[in-house]
Amino acid sequence: MATYPVSVSSHDLAGVALCDDNNVWVSVKSAPTSSVLTSLDQAHGTWSNGKTQPFVYVYGCSGTDLATSSNWDDLDWIATR
């Protein structure tokens, strides 16, 4: 994160994940009920934003699948590849 800074407030981060394929993902709150999953393009040192979606927390990865949740009770798995 220090090498590839995200230009958002730390109050808007809803989790960071490093996957087995070395991809880095960040969930960034974009509104009270929505967020954007952002991935790091390590080759270019830039972050690419996905589409705005209902708010999700990012907890980590299992292989290349993101562990996410829209609430504190249930985990969802998102395949990144």
PDB file of N, CA and C in Angstrom:
ATOM      1  N   MET A   1       0.828  -1.189   0.000  1.00  0.00           N
ATOM      2  CA  MET A   1       0.000   0.000   0.000  1.00  0.00           C
ATOM      3  C   MET A   1       0.872   1.252   0.000  1.00  0.00           C
ATOM      4  N   ALA A   2       2.000   1.190   0.696  1.00  0.00           N
ATOM      5  CA  ALA A   2       2.878   2.362   0.733  1.00  0.00           C
ATOM      6  C   ALA A   2       3.531   2.597  -0.629  1.00  0.00           C
ATOM      7  N   THR A   3       3.808   1.526  -1.361  1.00  0.00           N
ATOM      8  CA  THR A   3       4.430   1.649  -2.675  1.00  0.00           C
ATOM      9  C   THR A   3       3.450   2.146  -3.724  1.00  0.00           C
ATOM     10  N   TYR A   4       2.192   1.711  -3.615  1.00  0.00           N
ATOM     11  CA  TYR A   4       1.149   2.084  -4.570  1.00  0.00           C
ATOM     12  C   TYR A   4       0.000   2.740  -3.809  1.00  0.00           C
ATOM     13  N   PRO A   5       0.159   3.968  -3.385  1.00  0.00           N
ATOM     14  CA  PRO A   5      -0.863   4.586  -2.532  1.00  0.00           C
ATOM     15  C   PRO A   5      -2.216   4.738  -3.226  1.00  0.00           C
ATOM     16  N   VAL A   6      -3.256   4.553  -2.438  1.00  0.00           N
ATOM     17  CA  VAL A   6      -4.623   4.764  -2.896  1.00  0.00           C
ATOM     18  C   VAL A   6      -5.006   6.170  -2.487  1.00  0.00           C
ATOM     19  N   SER A   7      -5.557   6.925  -3.412  1.00  0.00           N
ATOM     20  CA  SER A   7      -5.880   8.323  -3.124  1.00  0.00           C
ATOM     21  C   SER A   7      -7.287   8.457  -2.543  1.00  0.00           C
ATOM     22  N   VAL A   8      -7.523   7.759  -1.432  1.00  0.00           N
ATOM     23  CA  VAL A   8      -8.798   7.855  -0.719  1.00  0.00           C
ATOM     24  C   VAL A   8      -8.503   7.966   0.768  1.00  0.00           C
ATOM     25  N   SER A   9      -9.459   8.453   1.496  1.00  0.00           N
ATOM     26  CA  SER A   9      -9.334   8.532   2.942  1.00  0.00           C
ATOM     27  C   SER A   9      -9.348   7.130   3.535  1.00  0.00           C
ATOM     28  N   SER A  10      -8.566   6.902   4.568  1.00  0.00           N
ATOM     29  CA  SER A  10      -8.569   5.596   5.224  1.00  0.00           C
ATOM     30  C   SER A  10      -9.928   5.283   5.835  1.00  0.00           C
ATOM     31  N   HIS A  11     -10.747   6.309   6.070  1.00  0.00           N
ATOM     32  CA  HIS A  11     -12.099   6.092   6.594  1.00  0.00           C
ATOM     33  C   HIS A  11     -13.012   5.455   5.552  1.00  0.00           C
ATOM     34  N   ASP A  12     -12.624   5.548   4.274  1.00  0.00           N
ATOM     35  CA  ASP A  12     -13.440   4.985   3.200  1.00  0.00           C
ATOM     36  C   ASP A  12     -13.005   3.583   2.783  1.00  0.00           C
ATOM     37  N   LEU A  13     -11.896   3.083   3.343  1.00  0.00           N
ATOM     38  CA  LEU A  13     -11.443   1.733   3.014  1.00  0.00           C
ATOM     39  C   LEU A  13     -12.279   0.720   3.780  1.00  0.00           C
ATOM     40  N   ALA A  14     -12.740  -0.298   3.077  1.00  0.00           N
ATOM     41  CA  ALA A  14     -13.547  -1.345   3.702  1.00  0.00           C
ATOM     42  C   ALA A  14     -12.883  -2.699   3.517  1.00  0.00           C
ATOM     43  N   GLY A  15     -11.563  -2.709   3.542  1.00  0.00           N
ATOM     44  CA  GLY A  15     -10.828  -3.959   3.480  1.00  0.00           C
ATOM     45  C   GLY A  15      -9.823  -4.010   2.363  1.00  0.00           C
ATOM     46  N   VAL A  16      -8.766  -4.778   2.610  1.00  0.00           N
ATOM     47  CA  VAL A  16      -7.687  -4.978   1.650  1.00  0.00           C
ATOM     48  C   VAL A  16      -7.402  -6.475   1.598  1.00  0.00           C
ATOM     49  N   ALA A  17      -7.130  -7.009   0.410  1.00  0.00           N
ATOM     50  CA  ALA A  17      -6.836  -8.432   0.269  1.00  0.00           C
ATOM     51  C   ALA A  17      -5.666  -8.638  -0.687  1.00  0.00           C
ATOM     52  N   LEU A  18      -4.771  -9.556  -0.331  1.00  0.00           N
ATOM     53  CA  LEU A  18      -3.696 -10.004  -1.207  1.00  0.00           C
ATOM     54  C   LEU A  18      -3.982 -11.458  -1.543  1.00  0.00           C
ATOM     55  N   CYS A  19      -4.190 -11.747  -2.830  1.00  0.00           N
ATOM     56  CA  CYS A  19      -4.556 -13.092  -3.259  1.00  0.00           C
ATOM     57  C   CYS A  19      -3.312 -13.905  -3.618  1.00  0.00           C
ATOM     58  N   ASP A  20      -3.511 -15.215  -3.762  1.00  0.00           N
ATOM     59  CA  ASP A  20      -2.410 -16.123  -4.073  1.00  0.00           C
ATOM     60  C   ASP A  20      -1.717 -15.799  -5.387  1.00  0.00           C
ATOM     61  N   ASP A  21      -2.426 -15.132  -6.323  1.00  0.00           N
ATOM     62  CA  ASP A  21      -1.818 -14.756  -7.594  1.00  0.00           C
ATOM     63  C   ASP A  21      -1.150 -13.375  -7.518  1.00  0.00           C
ATOM     64  N   ASN A  22      -0.963 -12.869  -6.284  1.00  0.00           N
ATOM     65  CA  ASN A  22      -0.335 -11.578  -5.995  1.00  0.00           C
ATOM     66  C   ASN A  22      -1.181 -10.377  -6.390  1.00  0.00           C
ATOM     67  N   ASN A  23      -2.444 -10.590  -6.729  1.00  0.00           N
ATOM     68  CA  ASN A  23      -3.328  -9.463  -6.981  1.00  0.00           C
ATOM     69  C   ASN A  23      -3.737  -8.841  -5.653  1.00  0.00           C
ATOM     70  N   VAL A  24      -3.818  -7.525  -5.649  1.00  0.00           N
ATOM     71  CA  VAL A  24      -4.220  -6.771  -4.471  1.00  0.00           C
ATOM     72  C   VAL A  24      -5.560  -6.124  -4.767  1.00  0.00           C
ATOM     73  N   TRP A  25      -6.507  -6.267  -3.814  1.00  0.00           N
ATOM     74  CA  TRP A  25      -7.851  -5.715  -3.960  1.00  0.00           C
ATOM     75  C   TRP A  25      -8.167  -4.827  -2.778  1.00  0.00           C
ATOM     76  N   VAL A  26      -8.880  -3.752  -3.036  1.00  0.00           N
ATOM     77  CA  VAL A  26      -9.319  -2.828  -1.994  1.00  0.00           C
ATOM     78  C   VAL A  26     -10.792  -2.534  -2.228  1.00  0.00           C
ATOM     79  N   SER A  27     -11.572  -2.525  -1.163  1.00  0.00           N
ATOM     80  CA  SER A  27     -12.961  -2.064  -1.249  1.00  0.00           C
ATOM     81  C   SER A  27     -12.989  -0.635  -0.738  1.00  0.00           C
ATOM     82  N   VAL A  28     -13.502   0.265  -1.558  1.00  0.00           N
ATOM     83  CA  VAL A  28     -13.547   1.683  -1.225  1.00  0.00           C
ATOM     84  C   VAL A  28     -15.008   2.128  -1.180  1.00  0.00           C
ATOM     85  N   LYS A  29     -15.413   2.661  -0.042  1.00  0.00           N
ATOM     86  CA  LYS A  29     -16.782   3.161   0.106  1.00  0.00           C
ATOM     87  C   LYS A  29     -16.957   4.375  -0.792  1.00  0.00           C
ATOM     88  N   SER A  30     -17.991   4.336  -1.658  1.00  0.00           N
ATOM     89  CA  SER A  30     -18.240   5.463  -2.565  1.00  0.00           C
ATOM     90  C   SER A  30     -19.483   6.250  -2.182  1.00  0.00           C
ATOM     91  N   ALA A  31     -20.318   5.675  -1.346  1.00  0.00           N
ATOM     92  CA  ALA A  31     -21.533   6.316  -0.827  1.00  0.00           C
ATOM     93  C   ALA A  31     -21.954   5.499   0.393  1.00  0.00           C
ATOM     94  N   PRO A  32     -22.911   5.958   1.169  1.00  0.00           N
ATOM     95  CA  PRO A  32     -23.288   5.202   2.375  1.00  0.00           C
ATOM     96  C   PRO A  32     -23.687   3.748   2.111  1.00  0.00           C
ATOM     97  N   THR A  33     -24.236   3.453   0.941  1.00  0.00           N
ATOM     98  CA  THR A  33     -24.677   2.085   0.674  1.00  0.00           C
ATOM     99  C   THR A  33     -23.997   1.455  -0.536  1.00  0.00           C
ATOM    100  N   SER A  34     -22.898   2.039  -1.013  1.00  0.00           N
ATOM    101  CA  SER A  34     -22.215   1.475  -2.175  1.00  0.00           C
ATOM    102  C   SER A  34     -20.704   1.549  -2.013  1.00  0.00           C
ATOM    103  N   SER A  35     -20.016   0.720  -2.790  1.00  0.00           N
ATOM    104  CA  SER A  35     -18.557   0.705  -2.763  1.00  0.00           C
ATOM    105  C   SER A  35     -18.045   0.335  -4.150  1.00  0.00           C
ATOM    106  N   VAL A  36     -16.733   0.467  -4.315  1.00  0.00           N
ATOM    107  CA  VAL A  36     -16.070   0.111  -5.562  1.00  0.00           C
ATOM    108  C   VAL A  36     -14.939  -0.847  -5.208  1.00  0.00           C
ATOM    109  N   LEU A  37     -14.901  -2.013  -5.864  1.00  0.00           N
ATOM    110  CA  LEU A  37     -13.758  -2.910  -5.716  1.00  0.00           C
ATOM    111  C   LEU A  37     -12.669  -2.425  -6.656  1.00  0.00           C
ATOM    112  N   THR A  38     -11.521  -2.169  -6.111  1.00  0.00           N
ATOM    113  CA  THR A  38     -10.395  -1.600  -6.842  1.00  0.00           C
ATOM    114  C   THR A  38      -9.254  -2.601  -6.835  1.00  0.00           C
ATOM    115  N   SER A  39      -8.630  -2.820  -7.984  1.00  0.00           N
ATOM    116  CA  SER A  39      -7.507  -3.754  -8.051  1.00  0.00           C
ATOM    117  C   SER A  39      -6.239  -3.013  -8.474  1.00  0.00           C
ATOM    118  N   LEU A  40      -5.125  -3.554  -8.036  1.00  0.00           N
ATOM    119  CA  LEU A  40      -3.831  -2.944  -8.329  1.00  0.00           C
ATOM    120  C   LEU A  40      -3.232  -3.536  -9.595  1.00  0.00           C
ATOM    121  N   ASP A  41      -2.861  -2.679 -10.526  1.00  0.00           N
ATOM    122  CA  ASP A  41      -2.090  -3.077 -11.703  1.00  0.00           C
ATOM    123  C   ASP A  41      -0.626  -2.866 -11.329  1.00  0.00           C
ATOM    124  N   GLN A  42       0.011  -3.926 -10.848  1.00  0.00           N
ATOM    125  CA  GLN A  42       1.376  -3.789 -10.338  1.00  0.00           C
ATOM    126  C   GLN A  42       2.370  -3.435 -11.425  1.00  0.00           C
ATOM    127  N   ALA A  43       2.126  -3.868 -12.644  1.00  0.00           N
ATOM    128  CA  ALA A  43       3.048  -3.563 -13.743  1.00  0.00           C
ATOM    129  C   ALA A  43       3.123  -2.069 -14.017  1.00  0.00           C
ATOM    130  N   HIS A  44       1.993  -1.363 -13.843  1.00  0.00           N
ATOM    131  CA  HIS A  44       1.951   0.073 -14.107  1.00  0.00           C
ATOM    132  C   HIS A  44       1.893   0.915 -12.844  1.00  0.00           C
ATOM    133  N   GLY A  45       1.724   0.262 -11.682  1.00  0.00           N
ATOM    134  CA  GLY A  45       1.665   1.004 -10.425  1.00  0.00           C
ATOM    135  C   GLY A  45       0.429   1.847 -10.266  1.00  0.00           C
ATOM    136  N   THR A  46      -0.669   1.394 -10.881  1.00  0.00           N
ATOM    137  CA  THR A  46      -1.914   2.163 -10.815  1.00  0.00           C
ATOM    138  C   THR A  46      -3.042   1.265 -10.301  1.00  0.00           C
ATOM    139  N   TRP A  47      -4.080   1.906  -9.813  1.00  0.00           N
ATOM    140  CA  TRP A  47      -5.272   1.204  -9.344  1.00  0.00           C
ATOM    141  C   TRP A  47      -6.362   1.331 -10.390  1.00  0.00           C
ATOM    142  N   SER A  48      -7.080   0.249 -10.653  1.00  0.00           N
ATOM    143  CA  SER A  48      -8.199   0.308 -11.596  1.00  0.00           C
ATOM    144  C   SER A  48      -9.491   0.068 -10.839  1.00  0.00           C
ATOM    145  N   ASN A  49     -10.435   0.958 -11.032  1.00  0.00           N
ATOM    146  CA  ASN A  49     -11.712   0.879 -10.340  1.00  0.00           C
ATOM    147  C   ASN A  49     -12.685   0.015 -11.109  1.00  0.00           C
ATOM    148  N   GLY A  50     -13.405  -0.797 -10.358  1.00  0.00           N
ATOM    149  CA  GLY A  50     -14.506  -1.560 -10.933  1.00  0.00           C
ATOM    150  C   GLY A  50     -15.763  -0.723 -10.913  1.00  0.00           C
ATOM    151  N   LYS A  51     -16.895  -1.371 -11.128  1.00  0.00           N
ATOM    152  CA  LYS A  51     -18.179  -0.680 -11.108  1.00  0.00           C
ATOM    153  C   LYS A  51     -18.636  -0.442  -9.671  1.00  0.00           C
ATOM    154  N   THR A  52     -19.375   0.620  -9.479  1.00  0.00           N
ATOM    155  CA  THR A  52     -20.001   0.863  -8.186  1.00  0.00           C
ATOM    156  C   THR A  52     -21.038  -0.224  -7.962  1.00  0.00           C
ATOM    157  N   GLN A  53     -21.077  -0.750  -6.756  1.00  0.00           N
ATOM    158  CA  GLN A  53     -21.974  -1.852  -6.425  1.00  0.00           C
ATOM    159  C   GLN A  53     -22.473  -1.683  -5.002  1.00  0.00           C
ATOM    160  N   PRO A  54     -23.421  -2.518  -4.583  1.00  0.00           N
ATOM    161  CA  PRO A  54     -23.823  -2.448  -3.171  1.00  0.00           C
ATOM    162  C   PRO A  54     -22.603  -2.632  -2.276  1.00  0.00           C
ATOM    163  N   PHE A  55     -22.593  -2.002  -1.144  1.00  0.00           N
ATOM    164  CA  PHE A  55     -21.434  -1.961  -0.255  1.00  0.00           C
ATOM    165  C   PHE A  55     -20.952  -3.352   0.124  1.00  0.00           C
ATOM    166  N   VAL A  56     -19.630  -3.579   0.043  1.00  0.00           N
ATOM    167  CA  VAL A  56     -19.025  -4.830   0.484  1.00  0.00           C
ATOM    168  C   VAL A  56     -17.776  -4.554   1.304  1.00  0.00           C
ATOM    169  N   TYR A  57     -17.577  -5.370   2.326  1.00  0.00           N
ATOM    170  CA  TYR A  57     -16.319  -5.428   3.055  1.00  0.00           C
ATOM    171  C   TYR A  57     -15.457  -6.479   2.375  1.00  0.00           C
ATOM    172  N   VAL A  58     -14.143  -6.287   2.346  1.00  0.00           N
ATOM    173  CA  VAL A  58     -13.214  -7.298   1.840  1.00  0.00           C
ATOM    174  C   VAL A  58     -12.423  -7.819   3.029  1.00  0.00           C
ATOM    175  N   TYR A  59     -12.418  -9.152   3.196  1.00  0.00           N
ATOM    176  CA  TYR A  59     -11.732  -9.768   4.339  1.00  0.00           C
ATOM    177  C   TYR A  59     -10.427 -10.438   3.972  1.00  0.00           C
ATOM    178  N   GLY A  60     -10.271 -10.856   2.732  1.00  0.00           N
ATOM    179  CA  GLY A  60      -9.060 -11.550   2.321  1.00  0.00           C
ATOM    180  C   GLY A  60      -9.353 -12.409   1.111  1.00  0.00           C
ATOM    181  N   CYS A  61      -8.459 -13.362   0.861  1.00  0.00           N
ATOM    182  CA  CYS A  61      -8.606 -14.248  -0.292  1.00  0.00           C
ATOM    183  C   CYS A  61      -8.437 -15.699   0.123  1.00  0.00           C
ATOM    184  N   SER A  62      -9.036 -16.560  -0.665  1.00  0.00           N
ATOM    185  CA  SER A  62      -8.770 -17.992  -0.628  1.00  0.00           C
ATOM    186  C   SER A  62      -8.385 -18.342  -2.050  1.00  0.00           C
ATOM    187  N   GLY A  63      -7.104 -18.529  -2.278  1.00  0.00           N
ATOM    188  CA  GLY A  63      -6.624 -18.685  -3.650  1.00  0.00           C
ATOM    189  C   GLY A  63      -6.765 -17.360  -4.372  1.00  0.00           C
ATOM    190  N   THR A  64      -7.609 -17.342  -5.407  1.00  0.00           N
ATOM    191  CA  THR A  64      -7.874 -16.095  -6.129  1.00  0.00           C
ATOM    192  C   THR A  64      -9.309 -15.625  -5.927  1.00  0.00           C
ATOM    193  N   ASP A  65     -10.020 -16.226  -4.979  1.00  0.00           N
ATOM    194  CA  ASP A  65     -11.385 -15.812  -4.661  1.00  0.00           C
ATOM    195  C   ASP A  65     -11.372 -14.842  -3.490  1.00  0.00           C
ATOM    196  N   LEU A  66     -12.050 -13.712  -3.674  1.00  0.00           N
ATOM    197  CA  LEU A  66     -12.158 -12.730  -2.597  1.00  0.00           C
ATOM    198  C   LEU A  66     -13.206 -13.164  -1.589  1.00  0.00           C
ATOM    199  N   ALA A  67     -12.911 -13.005  -0.319  1.00  0.00           N
ATOM    200  CA  ALA A  67     -13.897 -13.195   0.740  1.00  0.00           C
ATOM    201  C   ALA A  67     -14.476 -11.821   1.042  1.00  0.00           C
ATOM    202  N   THR A  68     -15.756 -11.660   0.781  1.00  0.00           N
ATOM    203  CA  THR A  68     -16.419 -10.374   0.966  1.00  0.00           C
ATOM    204  C   THR A  68     -17.703 -10.571   1.748  1.00  0.00           C
ATOM    205  N   SER A  69     -18.266  -9.470   2.179  1.00  0.00           N
ATOM    206  CA  SER A  69     -19.549  -9.514   2.869  1.00  0.00           C
ATOM    207  C   SER A  69     -20.209  -8.158   2.783  1.00  0.00           C
ATOM    208  N   SER A  70     -21.513  -8.168   2.642  1.00  0.00           N
ATOM    209  CA  SER A  70     -22.256  -6.918   2.663  1.00  0.00           C
ATOM    210  C   SER A  70     -22.734  -6.600   4.077  1.00  0.00           C
ATOM    211  N   ASN A  71     -22.568  -7.555   4.980  1.00  0.00           N
ATOM    212  CA  ASN A  71     -22.883  -7.353   6.395  1.00  0.00           C
ATOM    213  C   ASN A  71     -21.898  -8.173   7.216  1.00  0.00           C
ATOM    214  N   TRP A  72     -21.986  -8.114   8.500  1.00  0.00           N
ATOM    215  CA  TRP A  72     -21.023  -8.801   9.363  1.00  0.00           C
ATOM    216  C   TRP A  72     -21.354 -10.273   9.577  1.00  0.00           C
ATOM    217  N   ASP A  73     -22.505 -10.740   9.085  1.00  0.00           N
ATOM    218  CA  ASP A  73     -22.957 -12.085   9.404  1.00  0.00           C
ATOM    219  C   ASP A  73     -22.613 -13.149   8.370  1.00  0.00           C
ATOM    220  N   ASP A  74     -22.553 -12.793   7.107  1.00  0.00           N
ATOM    221  CA  ASP A  74     -22.404 -13.783   6.038  1.00  0.00           C
ATOM    222  C   ASP A  74     -21.224 -13.447   5.147  1.00  0.00           C
ATOM    223  N   LEU A  75     -20.433 -14.471   4.789  1.00  0.00           N
ATOM    224  CA  LEU A  75     -19.356 -14.305   3.822  1.00  0.00           C
ATOM    225  C   LEU A  75     -19.835 -14.689   2.445  1.00  0.00           C
ATOM    226  N   ASP A  76     -19.392 -13.939   1.437  1.00  0.00           N
ATOM    227  CA  ASP A  76     -19.621 -14.259   0.041  1.00  0.00           C
ATOM    228  C   ASP A  76     -18.253 -14.462  -0.597  1.00  0.00           C
ATOM    229  N   TRP A  77     -18.201 -15.224  -1.650  1.00  0.00           N
ATOM    230  CA  TRP A  77     -16.941 -15.463  -2.360  1.00  0.00           C
ATOM    231  C   TRP A  77     -17.080 -14.936  -3.774  1.00  0.00           C
ATOM    232  N   ILE A  78     -16.119 -14.141  -4.202  1.00  0.00           N
ATOM    233  CA  ILE A  78     -16.130 -13.572  -5.547  1.00  0.00           C
ATOM    234  C   ILE A  78     -14.904 -14.091  -6.284  1.00  0.00           C
ATOM    235  N   ALA A  79     -15.113 -14.815  -7.373  1.00  0.00           N
ATOM    236  CA  ALA A  79     -14.001 -15.286  -8.197  1.00  0.00           C
ATOM    237  C   ALA A  79     -13.441 -14.106  -8.970  1.00  0.00           C
ATOM    238  N   THR A  80     -12.137 -13.887  -8.862  1.00  0.00           N
ATOM    239  CA  THR A  80     -11.509 -12.749  -9.523  1.00  0.00           C
ATOM    240  C   THR A  80     -10.919 -13.115 -10.868  1.00  0.00           C
ATOM    241  N   ARG A  81     -10.879 -14.367 -11.188  1.00  0.00           N
ATOM    242  CA  ARG A  81     -10.348 -14.826 -12.483  1.00  0.00           C
ATOM    243  C   ARG A  81     -11.329 -15.770 -13.133  1.00  0.00           C
TER     244      ARG A  81
END
